[in-house]
Amino acid sequence: MSFTLAPHDFYTLPDGGRMRYARIDPAGEPKGTVLIVPGRREFIEKKIAETGPDLLGLGYRLLIVEPRGQGLSSRFLGGDLFQRDHIDDFSTHLEDLRAFYRDVAQPSTVGDLVVHGHSMGGHLLLRWLAEDKPAVTGAFVTAPMLALAGMAAHLIAYGMSYASVRLLKHETHYAPHQHDYGGDDCVFEKNPLTQDAERFKIIENYFTAHKDLTVGGVTWGWLLAALRSMQQTHGSHYLSNVAVPVLALVGDKDQVTPANEIGTYLNFIPRVRTHVIPDARHDLLNEVESVRQECWGYIGKFLTDTITG
């Protein structure tokens, strides 16, 4: 299998940062457009492997964008800290998404625009939909990052990250158990993401072939920014502002964003359909084929229902 980079382009943001993106068309005239925002550490080629054959086969144009801090988009840290996943505030990601939507996604959209996000990408899209109400027909999210595993741990992590960033000024230090990519990141046994050994290797294989894609663990600053952003979504008044239909798919074996932790917040979305997928871990569209097929059954029906009204 070849691990070459997909054809891509770069969008220059108002502050000079760059976001890598790809546009891929189906064989015939597109019936609609799907904007994809990946999860943390993910990149265009991984999302193509997970969604490309299915969405292109359904007749949709794909727009895939890499948030800053990952893929070949600009990083917030350089030099020896290049791999550290860091950001001061998730509002930066939202501003980037707004600019990309205005300057790239809207002009590139054919037919209805549907958005898809996984984990962190799902979190960003739900915040954007709640705050901006863009011209989007619907959204489907997988394992959206609305809470971390265990709310007690969530609160402890908030206190520790706040102290590390605000008091100790360790915002660019790795959080506990975080490190440059390698070691346990590459061990399939007991990983929390997928039960498919070959799909599990996609990230490792691309990182080996293209060192500049590599993303390690998160910093204290990233952790605090993520926890504060999640807190914004926890009030019923916030996600109730998402006006479009939303399909949410979560795995019943997800240890990263467990169904019982995020379900409460998903229910705040007025037009949400939530399906808990049996025997599925966090990385739902990168899972074993039986899980993927169940997910795509729900996605295909959602797209048909949403596009046709």
C-alpha atoms as a PDB file:
ATOM      1  CA  MET A   1       0.000   0.000   0.000  1.00  0.00           C
ATOM      2  CA  SER A   2       1.283   3.447  -0.941  1.00  0.00           C
ATOM      3  CA  PHE A   3       1.454   6.155   1.723  1.00  0.00           C
ATOM      4  CA  THR A   4       1.864   9.089  -0.652  1.00  0.00           C
ATOM      5  CA  LEU A   5       0.252  12.429   0.129  1.00  0.00           C
ATOM      6  CA  ALA A   6      -3.042  13.282  -1.532  1.00  0.00           C
ATOM      7  CA  PRO A   7      -3.227  16.250  -3.929  1.00  0.00           C
ATOM      8  CA  HIS A   8      -3.812  19.290  -1.722  1.00  0.00           C
ATOM      9  CA  ASP A   9      -3.632  23.042  -1.408  1.00  0.00           C
ATOM     10  CA  PHE A  10      -3.019  25.566   1.368  1.00  0.00           C
ATOM     11  CA  TYR A  11      -5.288  28.333   2.603  1.00  0.00           C
ATOM     12  CA  THR A  12      -3.519  31.332   4.117  1.00  0.00           C
ATOM     13  CA  LEU A  13      -5.348  32.617   7.180  1.00  0.00           C
ATOM     14  CA  PRO A  14      -5.725  36.320   8.024  1.00  0.00           C
ATOM     15  CA  ASP A  15      -2.909  36.083  10.604  1.00  0.00           C
ATOM     16  CA  GLY A  16      -0.530  34.402   8.146  1.00  0.00           C
ATOM     17  CA  GLY A  17      -1.000  30.813   9.338  1.00  0.00           C
ATOM     18  CA  ARG A  18      -1.747  28.110   6.796  1.00  0.00           C
ATOM     19  CA  MET A  19      -4.287  25.299   6.676  1.00  0.00           C
ATOM     20  CA  ARG A  20      -3.835  22.364   4.319  1.00  0.00           C
ATOM     21  CA  TYR A  21      -6.957  21.148   2.571  1.00  0.00           C
ATOM     22  CA  ALA A  22      -8.038  18.805  -0.210  1.00  0.00           C
ATOM     23  CA  ARG A  23     -10.990  18.806  -2.598  1.00  0.00           C
ATOM     24  CA  ILE A  24     -12.012  15.473  -4.119  1.00  0.00           C
ATOM     25  CA  ASP A  25     -14.853  14.989  -6.593  1.00  0.00           C
ATOM     26  CA  PRO A  26     -16.949  11.896  -7.341  1.00  0.00           C
ATOM     27  CA  ALA A  27     -17.063  10.355 -10.808  1.00  0.00           C
ATOM     28  CA  GLY A  28     -20.147  12.325 -11.903  1.00  0.00           C
ATOM     29  CA  GLU A  29     -21.679  15.670 -11.057  1.00  0.00           C
ATOM     30  CA  PRO A  30     -21.665  16.061  -7.237  1.00  0.00           C
ATOM     31  CA  LYS A  31     -25.083  15.894  -5.599  1.00  0.00           C
ATOM     32  CA  GLY A  32     -23.764  17.835  -2.610  1.00  0.00           C
ATOM     33  CA  THR A  33     -20.636  18.701  -0.638  1.00  0.00           C
ATOM     34  CA  VAL A  34     -19.302  17.328   2.653  1.00  0.00           C
ATOM     35  CA  LEU A  35     -16.847  19.450   4.661  1.00  0.00           C
ATOM     36  CA  ILE A  36     -14.764  17.216   6.933  1.00  0.00           C
ATOM     37  CA  VAL A  37     -12.948  18.434  10.056  1.00  0.00           C
ATOM     38  CA  PRO A  38     -10.672  15.697  11.476  1.00  0.00           C
ATOM     39  CA  GLY A  39     -10.047  14.751  15.067  1.00  0.00           C
ATOM     40  CA  ARG A  40      -6.874  15.495  16.993  1.00  0.00           C
ATOM     41  CA  ARG A  41      -3.697  14.133  15.392  1.00  0.00           C
ATOM     42  CA  GLU A  42      -5.586  13.199  12.209  1.00  0.00           C
ATOM     43  CA  PHE A  43      -4.774  14.339   8.672  1.00  0.00           C
ATOM     44  CA  ILE A  44      -6.275  14.420   5.183  1.00  0.00           C
ATOM     45  CA  GLU A  45      -5.067  11.016   4.019  1.00  0.00           C
ATOM     46  CA  LYS A  46      -6.505   9.215   7.051  1.00  0.00           C
ATOM     47  CA  LYS A  47      -9.901  10.828   6.493  1.00  0.00           C
ATOM     48  CA  ILE A  48      -9.815   9.875   2.800  1.00  0.00           C
ATOM     49  CA  ALA A  49      -9.204   6.242   3.775  1.00  0.00           C
ATOM     50  CA  GLU A  50     -12.140   6.328   6.209  1.00  0.00           C
ATOM     51  CA  THR A  51     -14.704   8.306   4.224  1.00  0.00           C
ATOM     52  CA  GLY A  52     -13.514   8.589   0.629  1.00  0.00           C
ATOM     53  CA  PRO A  53     -14.923   5.441  -1.030  1.00  0.00           C
ATOM     54  CA  ASP A  54     -18.229   5.748   0.833  1.00  0.00           C
ATOM     55  CA  LEU A  55     -18.977   9.460   0.371  1.00  0.00           C
ATOM     56  CA  LEU A  56     -17.612   9.593  -3.171  1.00  0.00           C
ATOM     57  CA  GLY A  57     -19.665   6.503  -3.984  1.00  0.00           C
ATOM     58  CA  LEU A  58     -22.759   8.307  -2.705  1.00  0.00           C
ATOM     59  CA  GLY A  59     -21.965  11.178  -5.073  1.00  0.00           C
ATOM     60  CA  TYR A  60     -20.567  13.840  -2.746  1.00  0.00           C
ATOM     61  CA  ARG A  61     -17.716  16.288  -3.223  1.00  0.00           C
ATOM     62  CA  LEU A  62     -15.286  16.129  -0.293  1.00  0.00           C
ATOM     63  CA  LEU A  63     -13.567  19.107   1.302  1.00  0.00           C
ATOM     64  CA  ILE A  64     -11.134  18.015   4.013  1.00  0.00           C
ATOM     65  CA  VAL A  65      -9.272  20.582   6.094  1.00  0.00           C
ATOM     66  CA  GLU A  66      -6.520  20.054   8.654  1.00  0.00           C
ATOM     67  CA  PRO A  67      -6.843  22.277  11.748  1.00  0.00           C
ATOM     68  CA  ARG A  68      -3.703  24.163  12.661  1.00  0.00           C
ATOM     69  CA  GLY A  69      -1.415  22.179  14.936  1.00  0.00           C
ATOM     70  CA  GLN A  70      -1.641  18.946  12.956  1.00  0.00           C
ATOM     71  CA  GLY A  71      -1.080  17.490   9.525  1.00  0.00           C
ATOM     72  CA  LEU A  72       0.851  19.852   7.282  1.00  0.00           C
ATOM     73  CA  SER A  73      -1.012  22.904   8.524  1.00  0.00           C
ATOM     74  CA  SER A  74       0.934  25.461  10.568  1.00  0.00           C
ATOM     75  CA  ARG A  75       2.036  24.378  14.023  1.00  0.00           C
ATOM     76  CA  PHE A  76       1.844  26.561  17.122  1.00  0.00           C
ATOM     77  CA  LEU A  77       5.242  25.377  18.372  1.00  0.00           C
ATOM     78  CA  GLY A  78       8.473  24.846  16.467  1.00  0.00           C
ATOM     79  CA  GLY A  79      11.937  23.409  16.837  1.00  0.00           C
ATOM     80  CA  ASP A  80      12.218  20.609  19.393  1.00  0.00           C
ATOM     81  CA  LEU A  81       8.595  21.275  20.439  1.00  0.00           C
ATOM     82  CA  PHE A  82       7.191  20.744  16.922  1.00  0.00           C
ATOM     83  CA  GLN A  83       5.348  17.534  17.792  1.00  0.00           C
ATOM     84  CA  ARG A  84       3.622  18.944  20.877  1.00  0.00           C
ATOM     85  CA  ASP A  85      -0.084  19.486  20.294  1.00  0.00           C
ATOM     86  CA  HIS A  86      -0.638  22.955  21.722  1.00  0.00           C
ATOM     87  CA  ILE A  87      -3.106  25.813  21.513  1.00  0.00           C
ATOM     88  CA  ASP A  88      -3.927  28.666  23.884  1.00  0.00           C
ATOM     89  CA  ASP A  89      -7.651  28.879  23.185  1.00  0.00           C
ATOM     90  CA  PHE A  90     -10.025  26.880  20.982  1.00  0.00           C
ATOM     91  CA  SER A  91     -11.462  30.182  19.760  1.00  0.00           C
ATOM     92  CA  THR A  92      -8.462  30.182  17.400  1.00  0.00           C
ATOM     93  CA  HIS A  93      -9.724  26.967  15.805  1.00  0.00           C
ATOM     94  CA  LEU A  94     -13.192  28.499  15.467  1.00  0.00           C
ATOM     95  CA  GLU A  95     -11.859  31.662  13.848  1.00  0.00           C
ATOM     96  CA  ASP A  96      -9.831  29.534  11.433  1.00  0.00           C
ATOM     97  CA  LEU A  97     -12.913  27.476  10.564  1.00  0.00           C
ATOM     98  CA  ARG A  98     -14.965  30.621   9.968  1.00  0.00           C
ATOM     99  CA  ALA A  99     -12.344  32.035   7.622  1.00  0.00           C
ATOM    100  CA  PHE A 100     -11.940  28.746   5.744  1.00  0.00           C
ATOM    101  CA  TYR A 101     -15.710  28.436   5.358  1.00  0.00           C
ATOM    102  CA  ARG A 102     -16.008  31.977   4.012  1.00  0.00           C
ATOM    103  CA  ASP A 103     -13.085  31.886   1.601  1.00  0.00           C
ATOM    104  CA  VAL A 104     -12.812  28.235   0.547  1.00  0.00           C
ATOM    105  CA  ALA A 105     -15.772  26.048   1.561  1.00  0.00           C
ATOM    106  CA  GLN A 106     -18.605  28.306   0.445  1.00  0.00           C
ATOM    107  CA  PRO A 107     -17.120  29.034  -3.021  1.00  0.00           C
ATOM    108  CA  SER A 108     -16.338  25.313  -3.452  1.00  0.00           C
ATOM    109  CA  THR A 109     -19.758  24.021  -2.410  1.00  0.00           C
ATOM    110  CA  VAL A 110     -21.915  22.298  -4.995  1.00  0.00           C
ATOM    111  CA  GLY A 111     -25.494  21.628  -3.895  1.00  0.00           C
ATOM    112  CA  ASP A 112     -26.191  21.314  -0.178  1.00  0.00           C
ATOM    113  CA  LEU A 113     -23.315  21.576   2.291  1.00  0.00           C
ATOM    114  CA  VAL A 114     -23.183  18.915   5.007  1.00  0.00           C
ATOM    115  CA  VAL A 115     -20.423  18.883   7.629  1.00  0.00           C
ATOM    116  CA  HIS A 116     -18.724  15.954   9.320  1.00  0.00           C
ATOM    117  CA  GLY A 117     -16.378  15.969  12.282  1.00  0.00           C
ATOM    118  CA  HIS A 118     -14.770  13.301  14.427  1.00  0.00           C
ATOM    119  CA  SER A 119     -13.912  13.795  18.117  1.00  0.00           C
ATOM    120  CA  MET A 120     -12.241  17.238  18.340  1.00  0.00           C
ATOM    121  CA  GLY A 121     -13.495  18.015  14.830  1.00  0.00           C
ATOM    122  CA  GLY A 122     -17.051  17.182  15.894  1.00  0.00           C
ATOM    123  CA  HIS A 123     -16.671  19.438  18.926  1.00  0.00           C
ATOM    124  CA  LEU A 124     -15.499  22.360  16.774  1.00  0.00           C
ATOM    125  CA  LEU A 125     -18.310  21.895  14.264  1.00  0.00           C
ATOM    126  CA  LEU A 126     -21.006  21.786  16.958  1.00  0.00           C
ATOM    127  CA  ARG A 127     -19.639  24.985  18.504  1.00  0.00           C
ATOM    128  CA  TRP A 128     -19.526  26.655  15.074  1.00  0.00           C
ATOM    129  CA  LEU A 129     -23.077  25.573  14.250  1.00  0.00           C
ATOM    130  CA  ALA A 130     -24.332  26.823  17.626  1.00  0.00           C
ATOM    131  CA  GLU A 131     -22.597  30.195  17.430  1.00  0.00           C
ATOM    132  CA  ASP A 132     -22.668  31.092  13.727  1.00  0.00           C
ATOM    133  CA  LYS A 133     -25.622  29.210  12.215  1.00  0.00           C
ATOM    134  CA  PRO A 134     -23.852  28.919   8.836  1.00  0.00           C
ATOM    135  CA  ALA A 135     -25.596  27.850   5.620  1.00  0.00           C
ATOM    136  CA  VAL A 136     -25.258  24.155   6.367  1.00  0.00           C
ATOM    137  CA  THR A 137     -27.971  21.573   5.661  1.00  0.00           C
ATOM    138  CA  GLY A 138     -26.940  19.044   8.316  1.00  0.00           C
ATOM    139  CA  ALA A 139     -24.074  17.554  10.318  1.00  0.00           C
ATOM    140  CA  PHE A 140     -22.942  14.054  11.197  1.00  0.00           C
ATOM    141  CA  VAL A 141     -20.439  13.631  13.999  1.00  0.00           C
ATOM    142  CA  THR A 142     -18.637  10.602  15.376  1.00  0.00           C
ATOM    143  CA  ALA A 143     -17.572  10.469  19.034  1.00  0.00           C
ATOM    144  CA  PRO A 144     -17.781  14.273  19.408  1.00  0.00           C
ATOM    145  CA  MET A 145     -15.489  15.626  22.122  1.00  0.00           C
ATOM    146  CA  LEU A 146     -18.100  16.997  24.526  1.00  0.00           C
ATOM    147  CA  ALA A 147     -16.632  15.379  27.652  1.00  0.00           C
ATOM    148  CA  LEU A 148     -13.658  13.281  28.671  1.00  0.00           C
ATOM    149  CA  ALA A 149     -13.817   9.864  30.257  1.00  0.00           C
ATOM    150  CA  GLY A 150     -15.028  10.271  33.825  1.00  0.00           C
ATOM    151  CA  MET A 151     -16.334  13.639  34.942  1.00  0.00           C
ATOM    152  CA  ALA A 152     -14.440  13.413  38.231  1.00  0.00           C
ATOM    153  CA  ALA A 153     -11.234  13.049  36.230  1.00  0.00           C
ATOM    154  CA  HIS A 154     -12.467  15.877  34.009  1.00  0.00           C
ATOM    155  CA  LEU A 155     -12.728  18.257  36.978  1.00  0.00           C
ATOM    156  CA  ILE A 156      -9.387  17.176  38.433  1.00  0.00           C
ATOM    157  CA  ALA A 157      -7.743  17.653  35.044  1.00  0.00           C
ATOM    158  CA  TYR A 158      -9.198  21.154  34.823  1.00  0.00           C
ATOM    159  CA  GLY A 159      -7.755  22.135  38.199  1.00  0.00           C
ATOM    160  CA  MET A 160      -4.348  20.659  37.412  1.00  0.00           C
ATOM    161  CA  SER A 161      -4.155  22.186  33.935  1.00  0.00           C
ATOM    162  CA  TYR A 162      -5.240  25.587  35.222  1.00  0.00           C
ATOM    163  CA  ALA A 163      -2.511  25.514  37.894  1.00  0.00           C
ATOM    164  CA  SER A 164       0.110  24.310  35.418  1.00  0.00           C
ATOM    165  CA  VAL A 165      -0.699  27.017  32.876  1.00  0.00           C
ATOM    166  CA  ARG A 166      -1.652  30.002  35.013  1.00  0.00           C
ATOM    167  CA  LEU A 167       0.567  29.494  38.060  1.00  0.00           C
ATOM    168  CA  LEU A 168       3.554  27.424  36.898  1.00  0.00           C
ATOM    169  CA  LYS A 169       3.648  28.778  33.331  1.00  0.00           C
ATOM    170  CA  HIS A 170       4.037  25.244  31.978  1.00  0.00           C
ATOM    171  CA  GLU A 171       1.590  25.728  29.138  1.00  0.00           C
ATOM    172  CA  THR A 172       3.909  24.246  26.473  1.00  0.00           C
ATOM    173  CA  HIS A 173       5.033  21.316  28.654  1.00  0.00           C
ATOM    174  CA  TYR A 174       3.544  17.918  27.935  1.00  0.00           C
ATOM    175  CA  ALA A 175       0.640  16.976  30.202  1.00  0.00           C
ATOM    176  CA  PRO A 176       1.139  13.760  32.267  1.00  0.00           C
ATOM    177  CA  HIS A 177       1.623  10.580  30.201  1.00  0.00           C
ATOM    178  CA  GLN A 178       1.962  12.658  27.006  1.00  0.00           C
ATOM    179  CA  HIS A 179       5.091  12.490  24.836  1.00  0.00           C
ATOM    180  CA  ASP A 180       6.405  12.649  21.294  1.00  0.00           C
ATOM    181  CA  TYR A 181       4.738  10.109  19.021  1.00  0.00           C
ATOM    182  CA  GLY A 182       5.955   6.547  19.537  1.00  0.00           C
ATOM    183  CA  GLY A 183       6.046   3.884  22.222  1.00  0.00           C
ATOM    184  CA  ASP A 184       2.554   2.972  23.386  1.00  0.00           C
ATOM    185  CA  ASP A 185       1.039   5.043  20.544  1.00  0.00           C
ATOM    186  CA  CYS A 186       2.131   2.257  18.185  1.00  0.00           C
ATOM    187  CA  VAL A 187       0.967  -0.720  20.285  1.00  0.00           C
ATOM    188  CA  PHE A 188      -2.259  -2.217  18.942  1.00  0.00           C
ATOM    189  CA  GLU A 189      -3.118  -4.335  21.963  1.00  0.00           C
ATOM    190  CA  LYS A 190      -5.463  -2.491  24.346  1.00  0.00           C
ATOM    191  CA  ASN A 191      -5.507   0.668  22.248  1.00  0.00           C
ATOM    192  CA  PRO A 192      -8.712   2.716  22.827  1.00  0.00           C
ATOM    193  CA  LEU A 193      -9.286   3.635  19.174  1.00  0.00           C
ATOM    194  CA  THR A 194      -9.997   0.624  16.976  1.00  0.00           C
ATOM    195  CA  GLN A 195     -10.168  -3.168  16.869  1.00  0.00           C
ATOM    196  CA  ASP A 196      -8.877  -3.256  13.278  1.00  0.00           C
ATOM    197  CA  ALA A 197      -5.132  -3.917  13.319  1.00  0.00           C
ATOM    198  CA  GLU A 198      -4.496  -2.741   9.754  1.00  0.00           C
ATOM    199  CA  ARG A 199      -6.479   0.475  10.104  1.00  0.00           C
ATOM    200  CA  PHE A 200      -4.739   1.140  13.421  1.00  0.00           C
ATOM    201  CA  LYS A 201      -1.429   1.310  11.516  1.00  0.00           C
ATOM    202  CA  ILE A 202      -2.547   4.068   9.129  1.00  0.00           C
ATOM    203  CA  ILE A 203      -1.325   6.895  11.374  1.00  0.00           C
ATOM    204  CA  GLU A 204       1.984   5.183  12.151  1.00  0.00           C
ATOM    205  CA  ASN A 205       2.645   4.370   8.487  1.00  0.00           C
ATOM    206  CA  TYR A 206       2.000   7.938   7.337  1.00  0.00           C
ATOM    207  CA  PHE A 207       4.027   9.425  10.191  1.00  0.00           C
ATOM    208  CA  THR A 208       6.927   7.133   9.226  1.00  0.00           C
ATOM    209  CA  ALA A 209       6.677   8.109   5.553  1.00  0.00           C
ATOM    210  CA  HIS A 210       6.134  11.833   6.196  1.00  0.00           C
ATOM    211  CA  LYS A 211       7.816  13.072   9.361  1.00  0.00           C
ATOM    212  CA  ASP A 212       6.243  16.532   9.080  1.00  0.00           C
ATOM    213  CA  LEU A 213       2.795  14.979   9.634  1.00  0.00           C
ATOM    214  CA  THR A 214       3.765  13.663  13.065  1.00  0.00           C
ATOM    215  CA  VAL A 215       1.842  14.873  16.115  1.00  0.00           C
ATOM    216  CA  GLY A 216       2.638  13.783  19.649  1.00  0.00           C
ATOM    217  CA  GLY A 217       0.634  14.209  22.838  1.00  0.00           C
ATOM    218  CA  VAL A 218      -1.036  17.327  24.209  1.00  0.00           C
ATOM    219  CA  THR A 219       0.427  20.110  26.297  1.00  0.00           C
ATOM    220  CA  TRP A 220      -1.006  21.524  29.511  1.00  0.00           C
ATOM    221  CA  GLY A 221      -2.108  24.516  27.446  1.00  0.00           C
ATOM    222  CA  TRP A 222      -4.025  22.343  24.967  1.00  0.00           C
ATOM    223  CA  LEU A 223      -5.674  20.422  27.789  1.00  0.00           C
ATOM    224  CA  LEU A 224      -6.848  23.588  29.558  1.00  0.00           C
ATOM    225  CA  ALA A 225      -8.106  25.080  26.277  1.00  0.00           C
ATOM    226  CA  ALA A 226     -10.011  21.878  25.437  1.00  0.00           C
ATOM    227  CA  LEU A 227     -11.588  21.598  28.893  1.00  0.00           C
ATOM    228  CA  ARG A 228     -12.684  25.241  28.826  1.00  0.00           C
ATOM    229  CA  SER A 229     -14.157  24.789  25.356  1.00  0.00           C
ATOM    230  CA  MET A 230     -16.044  21.681  26.467  1.00  0.00           C
ATOM    231  CA  GLN A 231     -17.431  23.558  29.454  1.00  0.00           C
ATOM    232  CA  GLN A 232     -19.022  26.040  27.070  1.00  0.00           C
ATOM    233  CA  THR A 233     -21.030  23.232  25.488  1.00  0.00           C
ATOM    234  CA  HIS A 234     -22.353  21.909  28.817  1.00  0.00           C
ATOM    235  CA  GLY A 235     -25.131  24.462  29.316  1.00  0.00           C
ATOM    236  CA  SER A 236     -28.456  23.442  27.770  1.00  0.00           C
ATOM    237  CA  HIS A 237     -28.823  26.904  26.272  1.00  0.00           C
ATOM    238  CA  TYR A 238     -25.654  26.490  24.183  1.00  0.00           C
ATOM    239  CA  LEU A 239     -26.150  23.368  22.055  1.00  0.00           C
ATOM    240  CA  SER A 240     -29.867  24.124  21.786  1.00  0.00           C
ATOM    241  CA  ASN A 241     -28.766  26.799  19.298  1.00  0.00           C
ATOM    242  CA  VAL A 242     -27.737  24.127  16.783  1.00  0.00           C
ATOM    243  CA  ALA A 243     -30.599  24.491  14.319  1.00  0.00           C
ATOM    244  CA  VAL A 244     -29.767  21.869  11.687  1.00  0.00           C
ATOM    245  CA  PRO A 245     -30.358  18.095  11.856  1.00  0.00           C
ATOM    246  CA  VAL A 246     -27.458  16.278  13.527  1.00  0.00           C
ATOM    247  CA  LEU A 247     -26.562  12.587  13.390  1.00  0.00           C
ATOM    248  CA  ALA A 248     -24.342  11.536  16.291  1.00  0.00           C
ATOM    249  CA  LEU A 249     -22.651   8.125  16.331  1.00  0.00           C
ATOM    250  CA  VAL A 250     -20.869   6.929  19.472  1.00  0.00           C
ATOM    251  CA  GLY A 251     -19.297   3.598  20.375  1.00  0.00           C
ATOM    252  CA  ASP A 252     -20.435   1.629  23.384  1.00  0.00           C
ATOM    253  CA  LYS A 253     -16.776   0.737  24.106  1.00  0.00           C
ATOM    254  CA  ASP A 254     -15.449   4.267  23.661  1.00  0.00           C
ATOM    255  CA  GLN A 255     -13.056   5.030  26.526  1.00  0.00           C
ATOM    256  CA  VAL A 256     -12.111   8.488  25.221  1.00  0.00           C
ATOM    257  CA  THR A 257     -15.522  10.176  24.891  1.00  0.00           C
ATOM    258  CA  PRO A 258     -17.851   7.575  26.460  1.00  0.00           C
ATOM    259  CA  ALA A 259     -21.467   7.451  25.327  1.00  0.00           C
ATOM    260  CA  ASN A 260     -22.787   7.882  28.865  1.00  0.00           C
ATOM    261  CA  GLU A 261     -20.666  11.025  29.335  1.00  0.00           C
ATOM    262  CA  ILE A 262     -21.514  12.840  26.108  1.00  0.00           C
ATOM    263  CA  GLY A 263     -25.111  11.653  25.678  1.00  0.00           C
ATOM    264  CA  THR A 264     -26.485  14.245  28.109  1.00  0.00           C
ATOM    265  CA  TYR A 265     -25.016  17.088  26.059  1.00  0.00           C
ATOM    266  CA  LEU A 266     -26.009  15.623  22.693  1.00  0.00           C
ATOM    267  CA  ASN A 267     -29.609  15.581  23.937  1.00  0.00           C
ATOM    268  CA  PHE A 268     -29.506  19.381  24.192  1.00  0.00           C
ATOM    269  CA  ILE A 269     -29.408  19.529  20.363  1.00  0.00           C
ATOM    270  CA  PRO A 270     -33.040  19.909  19.225  1.00  0.00           C
ATOM    271  CA  ARG A 271     -32.832  17.839  16.017  1.00  0.00           C
ATOM    272  CA  VAL A 272     -30.304  15.192  17.006  1.00  0.00           C
ATOM    273  CA  ARG A 273     -30.438  11.486  16.215  1.00  0.00           C
ATOM    274  CA  THR A 274     -27.981   9.582  18.401  1.00  0.00           C
ATOM    275  CA  HIS A 275     -27.039   5.954  17.783  1.00  0.00           C
ATOM    276  CA  VAL A 276     -24.793   3.968  20.119  1.00  0.00           C
ATOM    277  CA  ILE A 277     -22.887   1.447  18.005  1.00  0.00           C
ATOM    278  CA  PRO A 278     -22.377  -1.926  19.719  1.00  0.00           C
ATOM    279  CA  ASP A 279     -18.833  -3.258  20.142  1.00  0.00           C
ATOM    280  CA  ALA A 280     -17.262  -0.039  18.817  1.00  0.00           C
ATOM    281  CA  ARG A 281     -14.366   1.994  20.176  1.00  0.00           C
ATOM    282  CA  HIS A 282     -13.592   5.679  19.678  1.00  0.00           C
ATOM    283  CA  ASP A 283     -12.447   5.727  16.049  1.00  0.00           C
ATOM    284  CA  LEU A 284     -15.770   4.574  14.583  1.00  0.00           C
ATOM    285  CA  LEU A 285     -15.071   4.974  10.863  1.00  0.00           C
ATOM    286  CA  ASN A 286     -11.628   3.408  11.292  1.00  0.00           C
ATOM    287  CA  GLU A 287     -13.038   0.356  13.045  1.00  0.00           C
ATOM    288  CA  VAL A 288     -13.642  -3.247  11.963  1.00  0.00           C
ATOM    289  CA  GLU A 289     -15.840  -3.602   8.907  1.00  0.00           C
ATOM    290  CA  SER A 290     -18.990  -4.644  10.795  1.00  0.00           C
ATOM    291  CA  VAL A 291     -18.872  -1.411  12.818  1.00  0.00           C
ATOM    292  CA  ARG A 292     -18.128   0.682   9.754  1.00  0.00           C
ATOM    293  CA  GLN A 293     -21.009  -0.824   7.810  1.00  0.00           C
ATOM    294  CA  GLU A 294     -23.451  -0.081  10.622  1.00  0.00           C
ATOM    295  CA  CYS A 295     -22.197   3.502  10.801  1.00  0.00           C
ATOM    296  CA  TRP A 296     -22.445   3.994   7.050  1.00  0.00           C
ATOM    297  CA  GLY A 297     -25.971   2.637   7.066  1.00  0.00           C
ATOM    298  CA  TYR A 298     -26.977   5.431   9.441  1.00  0.00           C
ATOM    299  CA  ILE A 299     -24.924   8.050   7.563  1.00  0.00           C
ATOM    300  CA  GLY A 300     -26.332   7.110   4.160  1.00  0.00           C
ATOM    301  CA  LYS A 301     -29.912   7.332   5.432  1.00  0.00           C
ATOM    302  CA  PHE A 302     -29.196  10.618   7.200  1.00  0.00           C
ATOM    303  CA  LEU A 303     -27.742  12.162   4.047  1.00  0.00           C
ATOM    304  CA  THR A 304     -30.678  10.993   1.952  1.00  0.00           C
ATOM    305  CA  ASP A 305     -33.219  12.272   4.466  1.00  0.00           C
ATOM    306  CA  THR A 306     -31.375  15.572   4.974  1.00  0.00           C
ATOM    307  CA  ILE A 307     -30.626  16.411   1.347  1.00  0.00           C
ATOM    308  CA  THR A 308     -34.071  15.458   0.070  1.00  0.00           C
ATOM    309  CA  GLY A 309     -35.814  17.066   3.061  1.00  0.00           C
END
